[in-house]
PDB file of all heavy atoms in Angstrom:
ATOM      1  N   TYR A   1      98.954  85.501 118.443  1.00  0.00           N
ATOM      2  CA  TYR A   1      99.593  85.164 117.164  1.00  0.00           C
ATOM      3  C   TYR A   1      99.508  86.362 116.219  1.00  0.00           C
ATOM      4  O   TYR A   1     100.511  86.807 115.664  1.00  0.00           O
ATOM      5  CB  TYR A   1      98.888  83.941 116.565  1.00  0.00           C
ATOM      6  CG  TYR A   1      99.456  83.431 115.263  1.00  0.00           C
ATOM      7  CD1 TYR A   1     100.448  82.456 115.252  1.00  0.00           C
ATOM      8  CD2 TYR A   1      98.975  83.897 114.048  1.00  0.00           C
ATOM      9  CE1 TYR A   1     100.964  81.967 114.057  1.00  0.00           C
ATOM     10  CE2 TYR A   1      99.479  83.417 112.846  1.00  0.00           C
ATOM     11  CZ  TYR A   1     100.470  82.459 112.849  1.00  0.00           C
ATOM     12  OH  TYR A   1     100.980  81.982 111.665  1.00  0.00           O
ATOM     13  N   CYS A   2      98.321  86.911 116.068  1.00  0.00           N
ATOM     14  CA  CYS A   2      98.127  88.027 115.145  1.00  0.00           C
ATOM     15  C   CYS A   2      98.741  89.325 115.663  1.00  0.00           C
ATOM     16  O   CYS A   2      99.184  90.158 114.879  1.00  0.00           O
ATOM     17  CB  CYS A   2      96.639  88.218 114.848  1.00  0.00           C
ATOM     18  SG  CYS A   2      95.944  86.853 113.888  1.00  0.00           S
ATOM     19  N   GLN A   3      98.790  89.503 116.974  1.00  0.00           N
ATOM     20  CA  GLN A   3      99.456  90.681 117.537  1.00  0.00           C
ATOM     21  C   GLN A   3     100.921  90.702 117.095  1.00  0.00           C
ATOM     22  O   GLN A   3     101.429  91.726 116.626  1.00  0.00           O
ATOM     23  CB  GLN A   3      99.389  90.668 119.067  1.00  0.00           C
ATOM     24  CG  GLN A   3      98.018  90.909 119.643  1.00  0.00           C
ATOM     25  CD  GLN A   3      97.958  90.574 121.133  1.00  0.00           C
ATOM     26  OE1 GLN A   3      98.972  90.339 121.785  1.00  0.00           O
ATOM     27  NE2 GLN A   3      96.755  90.525 121.673  1.00  0.00           N
ATOM     28  N   ALA A   4     101.596  89.569 117.242  1.00  0.00           N
ATOM     29  CA  ALA A   4     103.019  89.492 116.886  1.00  0.00           C
ATOM     30  C   ALA A   4     103.227  89.655 115.385  1.00  0.00           C
ATOM     31  O   ALA A   4     104.146  90.350 114.951  1.00  0.00           O
ATOM     32  CB  ALA A   4     103.601  88.167 117.374  1.00  0.00           C
ATOM     33  N   HIS A   5     102.361  89.044 114.588  1.00  0.00           N
ATOM     34  CA  HIS A   5     102.486  89.176 113.135  1.00  0.00           C
ATOM     35  C   HIS A   5     102.252  90.624 112.702  1.00  0.00           C
ATOM     36  O   HIS A   5     102.971  91.142 111.844  1.00  0.00           O
ATOM     37  CB  HIS A   5     101.481  88.256 112.438  1.00  0.00           C
ATOM     38  CG  HIS A   5     101.944  86.841 112.349  1.00  0.00           C
ATOM     39  ND1 HIS A   5     101.968  86.147 111.175  1.00  0.00           N
ATOM     40  CD2 HIS A   5     102.417  85.989 113.301  1.00  0.00           C
ATOM     41  CE1 HIS A   5     102.437  84.926 111.381  1.00  0.00           C
ATOM     42  NE2 HIS A   5     102.709  84.808 112.677  1.00  0.00           N
ATOM     43  N   ALA A   6     101.254  91.268 113.269  1.00  0.00           N
ATOM     44  CA  ALA A   6     100.936  92.643 112.873  1.00  0.00           C
ATOM     45  C   ALA A   6     102.048  93.610 113.254  1.00  0.00           C
ATOM     46  O   ALA A   6     102.411  94.480 112.456  1.00  0.00           O
ATOM     47  CB  ALA A   6      99.608  93.069 113.496  1.00  0.00           C
ATOM     48  N   ILE A   7     102.618  93.462 114.445  1.00  0.00           N
ATOM     49  CA  ILE A   7     103.679  94.380 114.853  1.00  0.00           C
ATOM     50  C   ILE A   7     104.938  94.134 114.027  1.00  0.00           C
ATOM     51  O   ILE A   7     105.651  95.064 113.659  1.00  0.00           O
ATOM     52  CB  ILE A   7     103.944  94.318 116.381  1.00  0.00           C
ATOM     53  CG1 ILE A   7     104.575  95.621 116.879  1.00  0.00           C
ATOM     54  CG2 ILE A   7     104.803  93.133 116.769  1.00  0.00           C
ATOM     55  CD1 ILE A   7     103.615  96.765 117.002  1.00  0.00           C
ATOM     56  N   ARG A   8     105.194  92.868 113.676  1.00  0.00           N
ATOM     57  CA  ARG A   8     106.345  92.552 112.816  1.00  0.00           C
ATOM     58  C   ARG A   8     106.165  93.188 111.437  1.00  0.00           C
ATOM     59  O   ARG A   8     107.090  93.797 110.895  1.00  0.00           O
ATOM     60  CB  ARG A   8     106.501  91.040 112.688  1.00  0.00           C
ATOM     61  CG  ARG A   8     107.673  90.621 111.805  1.00  0.00           C
ATOM     62  CD  ARG A   8     107.830  89.102 111.762  1.00  0.00           C
ATOM     63  NE  ARG A   8     108.935  88.682 110.942  1.00  0.00           N
ATOM     64  CZ  ARG A   8     110.187  88.630 111.348  1.00  0.00           C
ATOM     65  NH1 ARG A   8     110.505  89.004 112.571  1.00  0.00           N
ATOM     66  NH2 ARG A   8     111.148  88.219 110.531  1.00  0.00           N
ATOM     67  N   ALA A   9     104.978  93.048 110.873  1.00  0.00           N
ATOM     68  CA  ALA A   9     104.723  93.625 109.547  1.00  0.00           C
ATOM     69  C   ALA A   9     104.772  95.151 109.602  1.00  0.00           C
ATOM     70  O   ALA A   9     105.270  95.787 108.670  1.00  0.00           O
ATOM     71  CB  ALA A   9     103.381  93.142 109.016  1.00  0.00           C
ATOM     72  N   ALA A  10     104.284  95.754 110.684  1.00  0.00           N
ATOM     73  CA  ALA A  10     104.352  97.222 110.826  1.00  0.00           C
ATOM     74  C   ALA A  10     105.811  97.671 110.788  1.00  0.00           C
ATOM     75  O   ALA A  10     106.155  98.652 110.117  1.00  0.00           O
ATOM     76  CB  ALA A  10     103.673  97.659 112.118  1.00  0.00           C
ATOM     77  N   GLU A  11     106.667  96.948 111.484  1.00  0.00           N
ATOM     78  CA  GLU A  11     108.095  97.287 111.476  1.00  0.00           C
ATOM     79  C   GLU A  11     108.665  97.135 110.067  1.00  0.00           C
ATOM     80  O   GLU A  11     109.377  98.027 109.575  1.00  0.00           O
ATOM     81  CB  GLU A  11     108.849  96.373 112.438  1.00  0.00           C
ATOM     82  CG  GLU A  11     110.348  96.588 112.399  1.00  0.00           C
ATOM     83  CD  GLU A  11     111.133  95.530 113.170  1.00  0.00           C
ATOM     84  OE1 GLU A  11     110.646  94.394 113.342  1.00  0.00           O
ATOM     85  OE2 GLU A  11     112.254  95.863 113.592  1.00  0.00           O
ATOM     86  N   ARG A  12     108.369  96.036 109.419  1.00  0.00           N
ATOM     87  CA  ARG A  12     108.922  95.778 108.087  1.00  0.00           C
ATOM     88  C   ARG A  12     108.414  96.776 107.049  1.00  0.00           C
ATOM     89  O   ARG A  12     109.072  97.008 106.036  1.00  0.00           O
ATOM     90  CB  ARG A  12     108.609  94.348 107.661  1.00  0.00           C
ATOM     91  CG  ARG A  12     109.384  93.312 108.494  1.00  0.00           C
ATOM     92  CD  ARG A  12     108.977  91.900 108.162  1.00  0.00           C
ATOM     93  NE  ARG A  12     109.362  91.507 106.816  1.00  0.00           N
ATOM     94  CZ  ARG A  12     110.502  90.918 106.496  1.00  0.00           C
ATOM     95  NH1 ARG A  12     111.404  90.663 107.422  1.00  0.00           N
ATOM     96  NH2 ARG A  12     110.741  90.572 105.249  1.00  0.00           N
ATOM     97  N   TYR A  13     107.247  97.374 107.302  1.00  0.00           N
ATOM     98  CA  TYR A  13     106.690  98.354 106.364  1.00  0.00           C
ATOM     99  C   TYR A  13     106.939  99.792 106.798  1.00  0.00           C
ATOM    100  O   TYR A  13     106.291 100.703 106.318  1.00  0.00           O
ATOM    101  CB  TYR A  13     105.205  98.090 106.139  1.00  0.00           C
ATOM    102  CG  TYR A  13     104.988  97.010 105.103  1.00  0.00           C
ATOM    103  CD1 TYR A  13     104.692  95.715 105.482  1.00  0.00           C
ATOM    104  CD2 TYR A  13     105.108  97.289 103.748  1.00  0.00           C
ATOM    105  CE1 TYR A  13     104.509  94.719 104.550  1.00  0.00           C
ATOM    106  CE2 TYR A  13     104.934  96.301 102.802  1.00  0.00           C
ATOM    107  CZ  TYR A  13     104.632  95.013 103.204  1.00  0.00           C
ATOM    108  OH  TYR A  13     104.463  94.025 102.268  1.00  0.00           O
ATOM    109  N   GLY A  14     107.867  99.998 107.725  1.00  0.00           N
ATOM    110  CA  GLY A  14     108.345 101.345 107.989  1.00  0.00           C
ATOM    111  C   GLY A  14     107.668 102.129 109.090  1.00  0.00           C
ATOM    112  O   GLY A  14     107.811 103.356 109.131  1.00  0.00           O
ATOM    113  N   ALA A  15     106.941 101.485 109.986  1.00  0.00           N
ATOM    114  CA  ALA A  15     106.386 102.223 111.127  1.00  0.00           C
ATOM    115  C   ALA A  15     107.555 102.801 111.921  1.00  0.00           C
ATOM    116  O   ALA A  15     108.605 102.173 112.050  1.00  0.00           O
ATOM    117  CB  ALA A  15     105.540 101.311 112.008  1.00  0.00           C
ATOM    118  N   GLU A  16     107.367 103.997 112.430  1.00  0.00           N
ATOM    119  CA  GLU A  16     108.421 104.641 113.203  1.00  0.00           C
ATOM    120  C   GLU A  16     108.710 103.840 114.464  1.00  0.00           C
ATOM    121  O   GLU A  16     107.798 103.297 115.088  1.00  0.00           O
ATOM    122  CB  GLU A  16     107.987 106.055 113.583  1.00  0.00           C
ATOM    123  CG  GLU A  16     107.791 106.979 112.404  1.00  0.00           C
ATOM    124  CD  GLU A  16     107.240 108.328 112.816  1.00  0.00           C
ATOM    125  OE1 GLU A  16     107.339 108.700 114.006  1.00  0.00           O
ATOM    126  OE2 GLU A  16     106.697 109.013 111.944  1.00  0.00           O
ATOM    127  N   GLN A  17     109.986 103.792 114.842  1.00  0.00           N
ATOM    128  CA  GLN A  17     110.404 103.054 116.031  1.00  0.00           C
ATOM    129  C   GLN A  17     109.625 103.511 117.258  1.00  0.00           C
ATOM    130  O   GLN A  17     109.191 102.698 118.074  1.00  0.00           O
ATOM    131  CB  GLN A  17     111.909 103.237 116.265  1.00  0.00           C
ATOM    132  CG  GLN A  17     112.447 102.368 117.381  1.00  0.00           C
ATOM    133  CD  GLN A  17     112.414 100.894 117.035  1.00  0.00           C
ATOM    134  OE1 GLN A  17     112.740 100.513 115.912  1.00  0.00           O
ATOM    135  NE2 GLN A  17     112.016 100.065 117.976  1.00  0.00           N
ATOM    136  N   GLU A  18     109.407 104.817 117.380  1.00  0.00           N
ATOM    137  CA  GLU A  18     108.694 105.338 118.543  1.00  0.00           C
ATOM    138  C   GLU A  18     107.244 104.838 118.574  1.00  0.00           C
ATOM    139  O   GLU A  18     106.689 104.598 119.638  1.00  0.00           O
ATOM    140  CB  GLU A  18     108.741 106.872 118.538  1.00  0.00           C
ATOM    141  CG  GLU A  18     108.452 107.474 119.878  1.00  0.00           C
ATOM    142  CD  GLU A  18     108.748 108.955 119.937  1.00  0.00           C
ATOM    143  OE1 GLU A  18     109.109 109.558 118.911  1.00  0.00           O
ATOM    144  OE2 GLU A  18     108.579 109.509 121.031  1.00  0.00           O
ATOM    145  N   GLN A  19     106.637 104.673 117.404  1.00  0.00           N
ATOM    146  CA  GLN A  19     105.284 104.122 117.351  1.00  0.00           C
ATOM    147  C   GLN A  19     105.285 102.654 117.751  1.00  0.00           C
ATOM    148  O   GLN A  19     104.434 102.210 118.514  1.00  0.00           O
ATOM    149  CB  GLN A  19     104.692 104.296 115.955  1.00  0.00           C
ATOM    150  CG  GLN A  19     104.371 105.742 115.619  1.00  0.00           C
ATOM    151  CD  GLN A  19     103.784 105.875 114.234  1.00  0.00           C
ATOM    152  OE1 GLN A  19     104.230 105.231 113.285  1.00  0.00           O
ATOM    153  NE2 GLN A  19     102.791 106.725 114.118  1.00  0.00           N
ATOM    154  N   LEU A  20     106.247 101.900 117.243  1.00  0.00           N
ATOM    155  CA  LEU A  20     106.329 100.481 117.581  1.00  0.00           C
ATOM    156  C   LEU A  20     106.552 100.287 119.077  1.00  0.00           C
ATOM    157  O   LEU A  20     105.950  99.412 119.694  1.00  0.00           O
ATOM    158  CB  LEU A  20     107.462  99.817 116.792  1.00  0.00           C
ATOM    159  CG  LEU A  20     107.270  99.760 115.279  1.00  0.00           C
ATOM    160  CD1 LEU A  20     108.560  99.366 114.593  1.00  0.00           C
ATOM    161  CD2 LEU A  20     106.147  98.821 114.904  1.00  0.00           C
ATOM    162  N   ASP A  21     107.392 101.125 119.645  1.00  0.00           N
ATOM    163  CA  ASP A  21     107.698 101.016 121.072  1.00  0.00           C
ATOM    164  C   ASP A  21     106.542 101.453 121.960  1.00  0.00           C
ATOM    165  O   ASP A  21     106.497 101.099 123.137  1.00  0.00           O
ATOM    166  CB  ASP A  21     108.932 101.851 121.421  1.00  0.00           C
ATOM    167  CG  ASP A  21     110.222 101.262 120.869  1.00  0.00           C
ATOM    168  OD1 ASP A  21     110.254 100.048 120.572  1.00  0.00           O
ATOM    169  OD2 ASP A  21     111.189 102.033 120.729  1.00  0.00           O
ATOM    170  N   ASN A  22     105.608 102.226 121.395  1.00  0.00           N
ATOM    171  CA  ASN A  22     104.532 102.809 122.212  1.00  0.00           C
ATOM    172  C   ASN A  22     103.143 102.540 121.655  1.00  0.00           C
ATOM    173  O   ASN A  22     102.216 103.301 121.918  1.00  0.00           O
ATOM    174  CB  ASN A  22     104.770 104.315 122.366  1.00  0.00           C
ATOM    175  CG  ASN A  22     106.046 104.603 123.102  1.00  0.00           C
ATOM    176  OD1 ASN A  22     106.121 104.439 124.314  1.00  0.00           O
ATOM    177  ND2 ASN A  22     107.084 104.984 122.375  1.00  0.00           N
ATOM    178  N   ILE A  23     103.000 101.460 120.881  1.00  0.00           N
ATOM    179  CA  ILE A  23     101.708 101.146 120.266  1.00  0.00           C
ATOM    180  C   ILE A  23     100.605 101.010 121.308  1.00  0.00           C
ATOM    181  O   ILE A  23      99.459 101.368 121.059  1.00  0.00           O
ATOM    182  CB  ILE A  23     101.810  99.880 119.373  1.00  0.00           C
ATOM    183  CG1 ILE A  23     100.536  99.657 118.567  1.00  0.00           C
ATOM    184  CG2 ILE A  23     102.149  98.644 120.193  1.00  0.00           C
ATOM    185  CD1 ILE A  23     100.385 100.515 117.371  1.00  0.00           C
ATOM    186  N   TRP A  24     100.949 100.551 122.496  1.00  0.00           N
ATOM    187  CA  TRP A  24      99.949 100.392 123.556  1.00  0.00           C
ATOM    188  C   TRP A  24      99.352 101.737 123.963  1.00  0.00           C
ATOM    189  O   TRP A  24      98.248 101.778 124.479  1.00  0.00           O
ATOM    190  CB  TRP A  24     100.566  99.738 124.789  1.00  0.00           C
ATOM    191  CG  TRP A  24     101.063  98.352 124.600  1.00  0.00           C
ATOM    192  CD1 TRP A  24     102.311  97.972 124.199  1.00  0.00           C
ATOM    193  CD2 TRP A  24     100.328  97.141 124.808  1.00  0.00           C
ATOM    194  NE1 TRP A  24     102.400  96.603 124.154  1.00  0.00           N
ATOM    195  CE2 TRP A  24     101.202  96.065 124.522  1.00  0.00           C
ATOM    196  CE3 TRP A  24      99.026  96.860 125.210  1.00  0.00           C
ATOM    197  CZ2 TRP A  24     100.814  94.736 124.632  1.00  0.00           C
ATOM    198  CZ3 TRP A  24      98.657  95.529 125.319  1.00  0.00           C
ATOM    199  CH2 TRP A  24      99.531  94.488 125.019  1.00  0.00           C
ATOM    200  N   GLU A  25     100.112 102.815 123.772  1.00  0.00           N
ATOM    201  CA  GLU A  25      99.663 104.151 124.202  1.00  0.00           C
ATOM    202  C   GLU A  25      99.321 105.055 123.012  1.00  0.00           C
ATOM    203  O   GLU A  25      99.515 106.262 123.085  1.00  0.00           O
ATOM    204  CB  GLU A  25     100.758 104.817 125.055  1.00  0.00           C
ATOM    205  CG  GLU A  25     100.962 104.181 126.409  1.00  0.00           C
ATOM    206  CD  GLU A  25     102.015 103.065 126.363  1.00  0.00           C
ATOM    207  OE1 GLU A  25     102.956 103.161 125.569  1.00  0.00           O
ATOM    208  OE2 GLU A  25     101.858 102.089 127.119  1.00  0.00           O
ATOM    209  N   TYR A  26      98.816 104.492 121.936  1.00  0.00           N
ATOM    210  CA  TYR A  26      98.589 105.292 120.721  1.00  0.00           C
ATOM    211  C   TYR A  26      97.675 106.485 120.970  1.00  0.00           C
ATOM    212  O   TYR A  26      97.800 107.510 120.310  1.00  0.00           O
ATOM    213  CB  TYR A  26      98.042 104.427 119.581  1.00  0.00           C
ATOM    214  CG  TYR A  26      96.571 104.094 119.694  1.00  0.00           C
ATOM    215  CD1 TYR A  26      95.612 104.979 119.233  1.00  0.00           C
ATOM    216  CD2 TYR A  26      96.139 102.904 120.271  1.00  0.00           C
ATOM    217  CE1 TYR A  26      94.257 104.691 119.339  1.00  0.00           C
ATOM    218  CE2 TYR A  26      94.792 102.603 120.381  1.00  0.00           C
ATOM    219  CZ  TYR A  26      93.862 103.507 119.921  1.00  0.00           C
ATOM    220  OH  TYR A  26      92.529 103.222 120.042  1.00  0.00           O
ATOM    221  N   ARG A  27      96.758 106.390 121.917  1.00  0.00           N
ATOM    222  CA  ARG A  27      95.799 107.476 122.151  1.00  0.00           C
ATOM    223  C   ARG A  27      96.451 108.729 122.725  1.00  0.00           C
ATOM    224  O   ARG A  27      95.945 109.827 122.518  1.00  0.00           O
ATOM    225  CB  ARG A  27      94.686 107.023 123.087  1.00  0.00           C
ATOM    226  CG  ARG A  27      93.672 106.149 122.426  1.00  0.00           C
ATOM    227  CD  ARG A  27      92.533 105.845 123.368  1.00  0.00           C
ATOM    228  NE  ARG A  27      91.418 105.294 122.642  1.00  0.00           N
ATOM    229  CZ  ARG A  27      90.548 104.462 123.165  1.00  0.00           C
ATOM    230  NH1 ARG A  27      90.670 104.070 124.425  1.00  0.00           N
ATOM    231  NH2 ARG A  27      89.550 104.003 122.441  1.00  0.00           N
ATOM    232  N   THR A  28      97.531 108.569 123.446  1.00  0.00           N
ATOM    233  CA  THR A  28      98.141 109.713 124.124  1.00  0.00           C
ATOM    234  C   THR A  28      99.581 109.987 123.720  1.00  0.00           C
ATOM    235  O   THR A  28     100.090 111.066 123.974  1.00  0.00           O
ATOM    236  CB  THR A  28      98.111 109.498 125.659  1.00  0.00           C
ATOM    237  OG1 THR A  28      98.779 108.270 125.969  1.00  0.00           O
ATOM    238  CG2 THR A  28      96.668 109.452 126.170  1.00  0.00           C
ATOM    239  N   HIS A  29     100.241 109.032 123.103  1.00  0.00           N
ATOM    240  CA  HIS A  29     101.661 109.221 122.795  1.00  0.00           C
ATOM    241  C   HIS A  29     101.843 110.176 121.614  1.00  0.00           C
ATOM    242  O   HIS A  29     101.149 110.066 120.599  1.00  0.00           O
ATOM    243  CB  HIS A  29     102.334 107.871 122.499  1.00  0.00           C
ATOM    244  CG  HIS A  29     103.814 107.961 122.599  1.00  0.00           C
ATOM    245  ND1 HIS A  29     104.592 108.435 121.570  1.00  0.00           N
ATOM    246  CD2 HIS A  29     104.655 107.681 123.623  1.00  0.00           C
ATOM    247  CE1 HIS A  29     105.854 108.432 121.941  1.00  0.00           C
ATOM    248  NE2 HIS A  29     105.925 107.972 123.195  1.00  0.00           N
ATOM    249  N   PRO A  30     102.794 111.118 121.724  1.00  0.00           N
ATOM    250  CA  PRO A  30     102.992 112.109 120.658  1.00  0.00           C
ATOM    251  C   PRO A  30     103.491 111.544 119.326  1.00  0.00           C
ATOM    252  O   PRO A  30     103.461 112.258 118.311  1.00  0.00           O
ATOM    253  CB  PRO A  30     104.009 113.084 121.258  1.00  0.00           C
ATOM    254  CG  PRO A  30     104.654 112.375 122.397  1.00  0.00           C
ATOM    255  CD  PRO A  30     103.659 111.353 122.882  1.00  0.00           C
ATOM    256  N   ALA A  31     103.915 110.291 119.288  1.00  0.00           N
ATOM    257  CA  ALA A  31     104.368 109.701 118.026  1.00  0.00           C
ATOM    258  C   ALA A  31     103.218 109.462 117.053  1.00  0.00           C
ATOM    259  O   ALA A  31     103.443 109.224 115.864  1.00  0.00           O
ATOM    260  CB  ALA A  31     105.099 108.385 118.300  1.00  0.00           C
ATOM    261  N   PHE A  32     101.975 109.530 117.548  1.00  0.00           N
ATOM    262  CA  PHE A  32     100.807 109.257 116.715  1.00  0.00           C
ATOM    263  C   PHE A  32     100.075 110.545 116.389  1.00  0.00           C
ATOM    264  O   PHE A  32      99.807 111.359 117.266  1.00  0.00           O
ATOM    265  CB  PHE A  32      99.867 108.275 117.428  1.00  0.00           C
ATOM    266  CG  PHE A  32     100.488 106.930 117.644  1.00  0.00           C
ATOM    267  CD1 PHE A  32     101.238 106.669 118.788  1.00  0.00           C
ATOM    268  CD2 PHE A  32     100.359 105.930 116.690  1.00  0.00           C
ATOM    269  CE1 PHE A  32     101.844 105.435 118.986  1.00  0.00           C
ATOM    270  CE2 PHE A  32     100.953 104.695 116.879  1.00  0.00           C
ATOM    271  CZ  PHE A  32     101.705 104.445 118.020  1.00  0.00           C
ATOM    272  N   SER A  33      99.722 110.708 115.118  1.00  0.00           N
ATOM    273  CA  SER A  33      98.959 111.886 114.682  1.00  0.00           C
ATOM    274  C   SER A  33      97.481 111.714 115.022  1.00  0.00           C
ATOM    275  O   SER A  33      97.023 110.599 115.323  1.00  0.00           O
ATOM    276  CB  SER A  33      99.123 112.076 113.172  1.00  0.00           C
ATOM    277  OG  SER A  33      98.441 111.027 112.476  1.00  0.00           O
ATOM    278  N   GLU A  34      96.738 112.795 114.925  1.00  0.00           N
ATOM    279  CA  GLU A  34      95.287 112.715 115.157  1.00  0.00           C
ATOM    280  C   GLU A  34      94.622 111.811 114.122  1.00  0.00           C
ATOM    281  O   GLU A  34      93.688 111.082 114.443  1.00  0.00           O
ATOM    282  CB  GLU A  34      94.662 114.116 115.152  1.00  0.00           C
ATOM    283  CG  GLU A  34      95.047 114.957 116.359  1.00  0.00           C
ATOM    284  CD  GLU A  34      94.674 114.309 117.692  1.00  0.00           C
ATOM    285  OE1 GLU A  34      93.548 113.786 117.823  1.00  0.00           O
ATOM    286  OE2 GLU A  34      95.529 114.306 118.594  1.00  0.00           O
ATOM    287  N   ALA A  35      95.101 111.853 112.891  1.00  0.00           N
ATOM    288  CA  ALA A  35      94.541 110.982 111.847  1.00  0.00           C
ATOM    289  C   ALA A  35      94.797 109.511 112.184  1.00  0.00           C
ATOM    290  O   ALA A  35      93.899 108.669 112.035  1.00  0.00           O
ATOM    291  CB  ALA A  35      95.149 111.328 110.490  1.00  0.00           C
ATOM    292  N   GLU A  36      96.001 109.194 112.645  1.00  0.00           N
ATOM    293  CA  GLU A  36      96.306 107.817 113.039  1.00  0.00           C
ATOM    294  C   GLU A  36      95.467 107.398 114.242  1.00  0.00           C
ATOM    295  O   GLU A  36      94.957 106.281 114.283  1.00  0.00           O
ATOM    296  CB  GLU A  36      97.799 107.686 113.365  1.00  0.00           C
ATOM    297  CG  GLU A  36      98.667 107.784 112.124  1.00  0.00           C
ATOM    298  CD  GLU A  36     100.137 107.961 112.435  1.00  0.00           C
ATOM    299  OE1 GLU A  36     100.477 108.545 113.499  1.00  0.00           O
ATOM    300  OE2 GLU A  36     100.957 107.520 111.605  1.00  0.00           O
ATOM    301  N   ARG A  37      95.303 108.292 115.195  1.00  0.00           N
ATOM    302  CA  ARG A  37      94.470 107.968 116.367  1.00  0.00           C
ATOM    303  C   ARG A  37      93.035 107.660 115.943  1.00  0.00           C
ATOM    304  O   ARG A  37      92.415 106.728 116.463  1.00  0.00           O
ATOM    305  CB  ARG A  37      94.483 109.126 117.359  1.00  0.00           C
ATOM    306  CG  ARG A  37      95.756 109.242 118.129  1.00  0.00           C
ATOM    307  CD  ARG A  37      95.650 110.301 119.240  1.00  0.00           C
ATOM    308  NE  ARG A  37      96.920 110.382 119.910  1.00  0.00           N
ATOM    309  CZ  ARG A  37      97.789 111.380 119.778  1.00  0.00           C
ATOM    310  NH1 ARG A  37      97.495 112.416 119.042  1.00  0.00           N
ATOM    311  NH2 ARG A  37      98.939 111.345 120.425  1.00  0.00           N
ATOM    312  N   ALA A  38      92.502 108.451 115.008  1.00  0.00           N
ATOM    313  CA  ALA A  38      91.134 108.206 114.530  1.00  0.00           C
ATOM    314  C   ALA A  38      91.039 106.820 113.892  1.00  0.00           C
ATOM    315  O   ALA A  38      90.077 106.080 114.127  1.00  0.00           O
ATOM    316  CB  ALA A  38      90.708 109.293 113.549  1.00  0.00           C
TER     317      ALA A  38
END
């Protein structure tokens, strides 16, 4: 329930499409900065 709500809110608040599409791989995907990874 909260996974779906959080990803919906991230989209509505302007998360980049590439981040939304690759949230599962935040540790390695280039769409995420080092600050975001931390």
